[in-house]
Amino acid sequence: MRGYMETLGVRGVTESVVQYLRIHIIEGELVPGQKLNEIELAVCLGINHTPLREAFRILENAHLIVSIPRKGCYVTVRYQ
């Protein structure tokens, strides 16, 4: 994962994380019901929690993940 974030050019961090997670959800690498571990993702991608949380909000608005208070974020759909 780290290599992906290092190769990013002019895109903002949040937008890049949204694209990264969206691709992994669509390709089925992140499966429906899978919990997205915020700490693990932040460390692996080499980013702060803030852009990751913003990315989660964007993906939730796109109905790709669901955020459950005090539980976390989970993948909701898988594209064919």
PDB file of N, CA and C in Angstrom:
ATOM      1  N   MET A   1       0.813  -1.196   0.000  1.00  0.00           N
ATOM      2  CA  MET A   1       0.000   0.000   0.000  1.00  0.00           C
ATOM      3  C   MET A   1       0.859   1.263   0.000  1.00  0.00           C
ATOM      4  N   ARG A   2       1.941   1.232   0.726  1.00  0.00           N
ATOM      5  CA  ARG A   2       2.772   2.425   0.853  1.00  0.00           C
ATOM      6  C   ARG A   2       3.254   2.911  -0.507  1.00  0.00           C
ATOM      7  N   GLY A   3       3.635   2.017  -1.402  1.00  0.00           N
ATOM      8  CA  GLY A   3       4.114   2.390  -2.721  1.00  0.00           C
ATOM      9  C   GLY A   3       3.103   3.221  -3.476  1.00  0.00           C
ATOM     10  N   TYR A   4       1.834   2.874  -3.330  1.00  0.00           N
ATOM     11  CA  TYR A   4       0.773   3.609  -4.014  1.00  0.00           C
ATOM     12  C   TYR A   4       0.763   5.063  -3.573  1.00  0.00           C
ATOM     13  N   MET A   5       0.821   5.300  -2.286  1.00  0.00           N
ATOM     14  CA  MET A   5       0.734   6.661  -1.774  1.00  0.00           C
ATOM     15  C   MET A   5       1.998   7.449  -2.124  1.00  0.00           C
ATOM     16  N   GLU A   6       3.150   6.787  -2.206  1.00  0.00           N
ATOM     17  CA  GLU A   6       4.389   7.480  -2.527  1.00  0.00           C
ATOM     18  C   GLU A   6       4.421   7.946  -3.973  1.00  0.00           C
ATOM     19  N   THR A   7       3.682   7.276  -4.858  1.00  0.00           N
ATOM     20  CA  THR A   7       3.718   7.630  -6.269  1.00  0.00           C
ATOM     21  C   THR A   7       2.710   8.702  -6.641  1.00  0.00           C
ATOM     22  N   LEU A   8       1.959   9.180  -5.685  1.00  0.00           N
ATOM     23  CA  LEU A   8       0.956  10.197  -5.983  1.00  0.00           C
ATOM     24  C   LEU A   8       1.617  11.523  -6.302  1.00  0.00           C
ATOM     25  N   GLY A   9       1.032  12.218  -7.253  1.00  0.00           N
ATOM     26  CA  GLY A   9       1.594  13.501  -7.635  1.00  0.00           C
ATOM     27  C   GLY A   9       0.872  14.650  -6.988  1.00  0.00           C
ATOM     28  N   VAL A  10       0.078  15.355  -7.785  1.00  0.00           N
ATOM     29  CA  VAL A  10      -0.532  16.603  -7.345  1.00  0.00           C
ATOM     30  C   VAL A  10      -1.863  16.430  -6.636  1.00  0.00           C
ATOM     31  N   ARG A  11      -2.422  15.233  -6.638  1.00  0.00           N
ATOM     32  CA  ARG A  11      -3.726  15.036  -5.991  1.00  0.00           C
ATOM     33  C   ARG A  11      -3.634  15.234  -4.490  1.00  0.00           C
ATOM     34  N   GLY A  12      -4.726  15.677  -3.918  1.00  0.00           N
ATOM     35  CA  GLY A  12      -4.778  15.812  -2.468  1.00  0.00           C
ATOM     36  C   GLY A  12      -4.807  14.453  -1.799  1.00  0.00           C
ATOM     37  N   VAL A  13      -4.399  14.413  -0.560  1.00  0.00           N
ATOM     38  CA  VAL A  13      -4.332  13.157   0.176  1.00  0.00           C
ATOM     39  C   VAL A  13      -5.706  12.517   0.297  1.00  0.00           C
ATOM     40  N   THR A  14      -6.699  13.294   0.687  1.00  0.00           N
ATOM     41  CA  THR A  14      -8.046  12.733   0.855  1.00  0.00           C
ATOM     42  C   THR A  14      -8.560  12.146  -0.443  1.00  0.00           C
ATOM     43  N   GLU A  15      -8.425  12.884  -1.538  1.00  0.00           N
ATOM     44  CA  GLU A  15      -8.891  12.402  -2.839  1.00  0.00           C
ATOM     45  C   GLU A  15      -8.159  11.123  -3.241  1.00  0.00           C
ATOM     46  N   SER A  16      -6.882  11.067  -2.951  1.00  0.00           N
ATOM     47  CA  SER A  16      -6.088   9.886  -3.283  1.00  0.00           C
ATOM     48  C   SER A  16      -6.534   8.664  -2.469  1.00  0.00           C
ATOM     49  N   VAL A  17      -6.820   8.888  -1.200  1.00  0.00           N
ATOM     50  CA  VAL A  17      -7.277   7.793  -0.339  1.00  0.00           C
ATOM     51  C   VAL A  17      -8.654   7.311  -0.800  1.00  0.00           C
ATOM     52  N   VAL A  18      -9.535   8.237  -1.154  1.00  0.00           N
ATOM     53  CA  VAL A  18     -10.859   7.865  -1.665  1.00  0.00           C
ATOM     54  C   VAL A  18     -10.699   6.986  -2.896  1.00  0.00           C
ATOM     55  N   GLN A  19      -9.859   7.405  -3.817  1.00  0.00           N
ATOM     56  CA  GLN A  19      -9.651   6.626  -5.041  1.00  0.00           C
ATOM     57  C   GLN A  19      -9.060   5.259  -4.722  1.00  0.00           C
ATOM     58  N   TYR A  20      -8.083   5.214  -3.850  1.00  0.00           N
ATOM     59  CA  TYR A  20      -7.437   3.954  -3.455  1.00  0.00           C
ATOM     60  C   TYR A  20      -8.464   2.979  -2.870  1.00  0.00           C
ATOM     61  N   LEU A  21      -9.251   3.446  -1.904  1.00  0.00           N
ATOM     62  CA  LEU A  21     -10.234   2.573  -1.266  1.00  0.00           C
ATOM     63  C   LEU A  21     -11.353   2.175  -2.230  1.00  0.00           C
ATOM     64  N   ARG A  22     -11.791   3.112  -3.057  1.00  0.00           N
ATOM     65  CA  ARG A  22     -12.845   2.824  -4.039  1.00  0.00           C
ATOM     66  C   ARG A  22     -12.390   1.701  -4.986  1.00  0.00           C
ATOM     67  N   ILE A  23     -11.177   1.794  -5.480  1.00  0.00           N
ATOM     68  CA  ILE A  23     -10.639   0.765  -6.378  1.00  0.00           C
ATOM     69  C   ILE A  23     -10.600  -0.587  -5.679  1.00  0.00           C
ATOM     70  N   HIS A  24     -10.135  -0.609  -4.437  1.00  0.00           N
ATOM     71  CA  HIS A  24     -10.037  -1.876  -3.712  1.00  0.00           C
ATOM     72  C   HIS A  24     -11.411  -2.461  -3.381  1.00  0.00           C
ATOM     73  N   ILE A  25     -12.395  -1.619  -3.188  1.00  0.00           N
ATOM     74  CA  ILE A  25     -13.769  -2.107  -2.962  1.00  0.00           C
ATOM     75  C   ILE A  25     -14.329  -2.654  -4.268  1.00  0.00           C
ATOM     76  N   ILE A  26     -14.183  -1.915  -5.353  1.00  0.00           N
ATOM     77  CA  ILE A  26     -14.724  -2.338  -6.646  1.00  0.00           C
ATOM     78  C   ILE A  26     -14.065  -3.618  -7.125  1.00  0.00           C
ATOM     79  N   GLU A  27     -12.754  -3.745  -6.917  1.00  0.00           N
ATOM     80  CA  GLU A  27     -12.034  -4.939  -7.363  1.00  0.00           C
ATOM     81  C   GLU A  27     -12.237  -6.131  -6.430  1.00  0.00           C
ATOM     82  N   GLY A  28     -12.924  -5.912  -5.315  1.00  0.00           N
ATOM     83  CA  GLY A  28     -13.230  -7.008  -4.406  1.00  0.00           C
ATOM     84  C   GLY A  28     -12.121  -7.342  -3.427  1.00  0.00           C
ATOM     85  N   GLU A  29     -11.100  -6.513  -3.368  1.00  0.00           N
ATOM     86  CA  GLU A  29     -10.024  -6.748  -2.397  1.00  0.00           C
ATOM     87  C   GLU A  29     -10.482  -6.400  -0.984  1.00  0.00           C
ATOM     88  N   LEU A  30     -11.430  -5.495  -0.886  1.00  0.00           N
ATOM     89  CA  LEU A  30     -12.114  -5.201   0.376  1.00  0.00           C
ATOM     90  C   LEU A  30     -13.529  -5.725   0.187  1.00  0.00           C
ATOM     91  N   VAL A  31     -13.920  -6.678   0.990  1.00  0.00           N
ATOM     92  CA  VAL A  31     -15.178  -7.392   0.766  1.00  0.00           C
ATOM     93  C   VAL A  31     -16.309  -6.842   1.637  1.00  0.00           C
ATOM     94  N   PRO A  32     -17.556  -7.034   1.188  1.00  0.00           N
ATOM     95  CA  PRO A  32     -18.704  -6.577   1.977  1.00  0.00           C
ATOM     96  C   PRO A  32     -18.647  -7.111   3.408  1.00  0.00           C
ATOM     97  N   GLY A  33     -18.886  -6.219   4.349  1.00  0.00           N
ATOM     98  CA  GLY A  33     -18.858  -6.586   5.759  1.00  0.00           C
ATOM     99  C   GLY A  33     -17.494  -6.439   6.402  1.00  0.00           C
ATOM    100  N   GLN A  34     -16.461  -6.244   5.597  1.00  0.00           N
ATOM    101  CA  GLN A  34     -15.109  -6.105   6.137  1.00  0.00           C
ATOM    102  C   GLN A  34     -14.959  -4.782   6.860  1.00  0.00           C
ATOM    103  N   LYS A  35     -14.391  -4.841   8.063  1.00  0.00           N
ATOM    104  CA  LYS A  35     -14.149  -3.626   8.839  1.00  0.00           C
ATOM    105  C   LYS A  35     -12.891  -2.951   8.308  1.00  0.00           C
ATOM    106  N   LEU A  36     -12.959  -1.630   8.161  1.00  0.00           N
ATOM    107  CA  LEU A  36     -11.809  -0.851   7.740  1.00  0.00           C
ATOM    108  C   LEU A  36     -11.109  -0.336   8.996  1.00  0.00           C
ATOM    109  N   ASN A  37      -9.956  -0.868   9.271  1.00  0.00           N
ATOM    110  CA  ASN A  37      -9.209  -0.506  10.464  1.00  0.00           C
ATOM    111  C   ASN A  37      -8.495   0.821  10.232  1.00  0.00           C
ATOM    112  N   GLU A  38      -8.976   1.860  10.872  1.00  0.00           N
ATOM    113  CA  GLU A  38      -8.467   3.220  10.654  1.00  0.00           C
ATOM    114  C   GLU A  38      -6.985   3.339  10.987  1.00  0.00           C
ATOM    115  N   ILE A  39      -6.578   2.783  12.098  1.00  0.00           N
ATOM    116  CA  ILE A  39      -5.182   2.883  12.518  1.00  0.00           C
ATOM    117  C   ILE A  39      -4.276   2.152  11.530  1.00  0.00           C
ATOM    118  N   GLU A  40      -4.649   0.942  11.177  1.00  0.00           N
ATOM    119  CA  GLU A  40      -3.860   0.145  10.245  1.00  0.00           C
ATOM    120  C   GLU A  40      -3.745   0.826   8.877  1.00  0.00           C
ATOM    121  N   LEU A  41      -4.857   1.330   8.373  1.00  0.00           N
ATOM    122  CA  LEU A  41      -4.833   2.014   7.078  1.00  0.00           C
ATOM    123  C   LEU A  41      -3.966   3.267   7.122  1.00  0.00           C
ATOM    124  N   ALA A  42      -4.086   4.054   8.182  1.00  0.00           N
ATOM    125  CA  ALA A  42      -3.292   5.282   8.301  1.00  0.00           C
ATOM    126  C   ALA A  42      -1.801   4.959   8.308  1.00  0.00           C
ATOM    127  N   VAL A  43      -1.422   3.932   9.046  1.00  0.00           N
ATOM    128  CA  VAL A  43      -0.015   3.544   9.110  1.00  0.00           C
ATOM    129  C   VAL A  43       0.465   3.015   7.758  1.00  0.00           C
ATOM    130  N   CYS A  44      -0.307   2.109   7.160  1.00  0.00           N
ATOM    131  CA  CYS A  44       0.084   1.520   5.880  1.00  0.00           C
ATOM    132  C   CYS A  44       0.190   2.554   4.766  1.00  0.00           C
ATOM    133  N   LEU A  45      -0.704   3.538   4.777  1.00  0.00           N
ATOM    134  CA  LEU A  45      -0.699   4.557   3.732  1.00  0.00           C
ATOM    135  C   LEU A  45       0.210   5.734   4.070  1.00  0.00           C
ATOM    136  N   GLY A  46       0.696   5.780   5.301  1.00  0.00           N
ATOM    137  CA  GLY A  46       1.592   6.848   5.716  1.00  0.00           C
ATOM    138  C   GLY A  46       0.915   8.199   5.796  1.00  0.00           C
ATOM    139  N   ILE A  47      -0.318   8.201   6.308  1.00  0.00           N
ATOM    140  CA  ILE A  47      -1.090   9.443   6.391  1.00  0.00           C
ATOM    141  C   ILE A  47      -1.641   9.621   7.798  1.00  0.00           C
ATOM    142  N   ASN A  48      -2.149  10.830   8.053  1.00  0.00           N
ATOM    143  CA  ASN A  48      -2.823  11.122   9.320  1.00  0.00           C
ATOM    144  C   ASN A  48      -4.236  10.557   9.298  1.00  0.00           C
ATOM    145  N   HIS A  49      -4.857  10.549  10.452  1.00  0.00           N
ATOM    146  CA  HIS A  49      -6.231  10.066  10.565  1.00  0.00           C
ATOM    147  C   HIS A  49      -7.231  11.022   9.914  1.00  0.00           C
ATOM    148  N   THR A  50      -6.932  12.311   9.912  1.00  0.00           N
ATOM    149  CA  THR A  50      -7.884  13.300   9.396  1.00  0.00           C
ATOM    150  C   THR A  50      -8.264  13.066   7.938  1.00  0.00           C
ATOM    151  N   PRO A  51      -7.314  12.952   6.991  1.00  0.00           N
ATOM    152  CA  PRO A  51      -7.725  12.710   5.601  1.00  0.00           C
ATOM    153  C   PRO A  51      -8.390  11.353   5.421  1.00  0.00           C
ATOM    154  N   LEU A  52      -8.022  10.393   6.246  1.00  0.00           N
ATOM    155  CA  LEU A  52      -8.652   9.078   6.172  1.00  0.00           C
ATOM    156  C   LEU A  52     -10.109   9.166   6.609  1.00  0.00           C
ATOM    157  N   ARG A  53     -10.371   9.892   7.662  1.00  0.00           N
ATOM    158  CA  ARG A  53     -11.751  10.079   8.129  1.00  0.00           C
ATOM    159  C   ARG A  53     -12.581  10.843   7.105  1.00  0.00           C
ATOM    160  N   GLU A  54     -11.964  11.835   6.462  1.00  0.00           N
ATOM    161  CA  GLU A  54     -12.659  12.567   5.405  1.00  0.00           C
ATOM    162  C   GLU A  54     -12.982  11.632   4.240  1.00  0.00           C
ATOM    163  N   ALA A  55     -12.040  10.775   3.899  1.00  0.00           N
ATOM    164  CA  ALA A  55     -12.267   9.797   2.826  1.00  0.00           C
ATOM    165  C   ALA A  55     -13.401   8.848   3.204  1.00  0.00           C
ATOM    166  N   PHE A  56     -13.443   8.423   4.451  1.00  0.00           N
ATOM    167  CA  PHE A  56     -14.533   7.557   4.915  1.00  0.00           C
ATOM    168  C   PHE A  56     -15.882   8.252   4.737  1.00  0.00           C
ATOM    169  N   ARG A  57     -15.951   9.533   5.060  1.00  0.00           N
ATOM    170  CA  ARG A  57     -17.218  10.276   4.912  1.00  0.00           C
ATOM    171  C   ARG A  57     -17.646  10.332   3.441  1.00  0.00           C
ATOM    172  N   ILE A  58     -16.693  10.580   2.566  1.00  0.00           N
ATOM    173  CA  ILE A  58     -16.992  10.643   1.133  1.00  0.00           C
ATOM    174  C   ILE A  58     -17.480   9.284   0.634  1.00  0.00           C
ATOM    175  N   LEU A  59     -16.807   8.222   1.040  1.00  0.00           N
ATOM    176  CA  LEU A  59     -17.200   6.874   0.614  1.00  0.00           C
ATOM    177  C   LEU A  59     -18.540   6.466   1.216  1.00  0.00           C
ATOM    178  N   GLU A  60     -18.840   6.958   2.412  1.00  0.00           N
ATOM    179  CA  GLU A  60     -20.144   6.671   3.014  1.00  0.00           C
ATOM    180  C   GLU A  60     -21.246   7.375   2.224  1.00  0.00           C
ATOM    181  N   ASN A  61     -20.992   8.597   1.802  1.00  0.00           N
ATOM    182  CA  ASN A  61     -21.968   9.320   0.978  1.00  0.00           C
ATOM    183  C   ASN A  61     -22.185   8.634  -0.368  1.00  0.00           C
ATOM    184  N   ALA A  62     -21.177   7.917  -0.843  1.00  0.00           N
ATOM    185  CA  ALA A  62     -21.278   7.166  -2.092  1.00  0.00           C
ATOM    186  C   ALA A  62     -21.833   5.758  -1.863  1.00  0.00           C
ATOM    187  N   HIS A  63     -22.181   5.453  -0.611  1.00  0.00           N
ATOM    188  CA  HIS A  63     -22.761   4.161  -0.213  1.00  0.00           C
ATOM    189  C   HIS A  63     -21.812   2.988  -0.448  1.00  0.00           C
ATOM    190  N   LEU A  64     -20.513   3.244  -0.377  1.00  0.00           N
ATOM    191  CA  LEU A  64     -19.533   2.167  -0.508  1.00  0.00           C
ATOM    192  C   LEU A  64     -19.127   1.615   0.858  1.00  0.00           C
ATOM    193  N   ILE A  65     -19.264   2.442   1.887  1.00  0.00           N
ATOM    194  CA  ILE A  65     -19.015   1.988   3.247  1.00  0.00           C
ATOM    195  C   ILE A  65     -20.126   2.532   4.139  1.00  0.00           C
ATOM    196  N   VAL A  66     -20.224   1.945   5.316  1.00  0.00           N
ATOM    197  CA  VAL A  66     -21.169   2.429   6.309  1.00  0.00           C
ATOM    198  C   VAL A  66     -20.391   2.653   7.601  1.00  0.00           C
ATOM    199  N   SER A  67     -20.689   3.759   8.264  1.00  0.00           N
ATOM    200  CA  SER A  67     -20.050   4.079   9.532  1.00  0.00           C
ATOM    201  C   SER A  67     -21.046   3.810  10.653  1.00  0.00           C
ATOM    202  N   ILE A  68     -20.635   2.978  11.580  1.00  0.00           N
ATOM    203  CA  ILE A  68     -21.480   2.650  12.730  1.00  0.00           C
ATOM    204  C   ILE A  68     -20.826   3.266  13.960  1.00  0.00           C
ATOM    205  N   PRO A  69     -21.525   4.208  14.617  1.00  0.00           N
ATOM    206  CA  PRO A  69     -20.935   4.880  15.779  1.00  0.00           C
ATOM    207  C   PRO A  69     -20.404   3.896  16.817  1.00  0.00           C
ATOM    208  N   ARG A  70     -19.216   4.176  17.312  1.00  0.00           N
ATOM    209  CA  ARG A  70     -18.517   3.375  18.326  1.00  0.00           C
ATOM    210  C   ARG A  70     -18.186   1.957  17.868  1.00  0.00           C
ATOM    211  N   LYS A  71     -18.377   1.671  16.589  1.00  0.00           N
ATOM    212  CA  LYS A  71     -18.047   0.343  16.054  1.00  0.00           C
ATOM    213  C   LYS A  71     -16.994   0.436  14.957  1.00  0.00           C
ATOM    214  N   GLY A  72     -17.151   1.410  14.055  1.00  0.00           N
ATOM    215  CA  GLY A  72     -16.195   1.571  12.964  1.00  0.00           C
ATOM    216  C   GLY A  72     -16.864   1.658  11.614  1.00  0.00           C
ATOM    217  N   CYS A  73     -16.030   1.567  10.569  1.00  0.00           N
ATOM    218  CA  CYS A  73     -16.521   1.644   9.195  1.00  0.00           C
ATOM    219  C   CYS A  73     -16.394   0.278   8.538  1.00  0.00           C
ATOM    220  N   TYR A  74     -17.411  -0.063   7.749  1.00  0.00           N
ATOM    221  CA  TYR A  74     -17.475  -1.366   7.099  1.00  0.00           C
ATOM    222  C   TYR A  74     -17.809  -1.195   5.626  1.00  0.00           C
ATOM    223  N   VAL A  75     -17.246  -2.069   4.805  1.00  0.00           N
ATOM    224  CA  VAL A  75     -17.553  -2.082   3.368  1.00  0.00           C
ATOM    225  C   VAL A  75     -18.994  -2.554   3.201  1.00  0.00           C
ATOM    226  N   THR A  76     -19.754  -1.873   2.319  1.00  0.00           N
ATOM    227  CA  THR A  76     -21.170  -2.224   2.159  1.00  0.00           C
ATOM    228  C   THR A  76     -21.492  -2.948   0.864  1.00  0.00           C
ATOM    229  N   VAL A  77     -20.747  -2.682  -0.205  1.00  0.00           N
ATOM    230  CA  VAL A  77     -21.126  -3.266  -1.494  1.00  0.00           C
ATOM    231  C   VAL A  77     -19.899  -3.811  -2.212  1.00  0.00           C
ATOM    232  N   ARG A  78     -20.184  -4.617  -3.214  1.00  0.00           N
ATOM    233  CA  ARG A  78     -19.119  -5.125  -4.076  1.00  0.00           C
ATOM    234  C   ARG A  78     -19.616  -5.048  -5.516  1.00  0.00           C
ATOM    235  N   TYR A  79     -18.827  -4.473  -6.358  1.00  0.00           N
ATOM    236  CA  TYR A  79     -19.203  -4.335  -7.768  1.00  0.00           C
ATOM    237  C   TYR A  79     -18.801  -5.571  -8.538  1.00  0.00           C
ATOM    238  N   GLN A  80     -19.585  -5.911  -9.525  1.00  0.00           N
ATOM    239  CA  GLN A  80     -19.282  -7.057 -10.400  1.00  0.00           C
ATOM    240  C   GLN A  80     -18.588  -6.575 -11.645  1.00  0.00           C
TER     241      GLN A  80
END
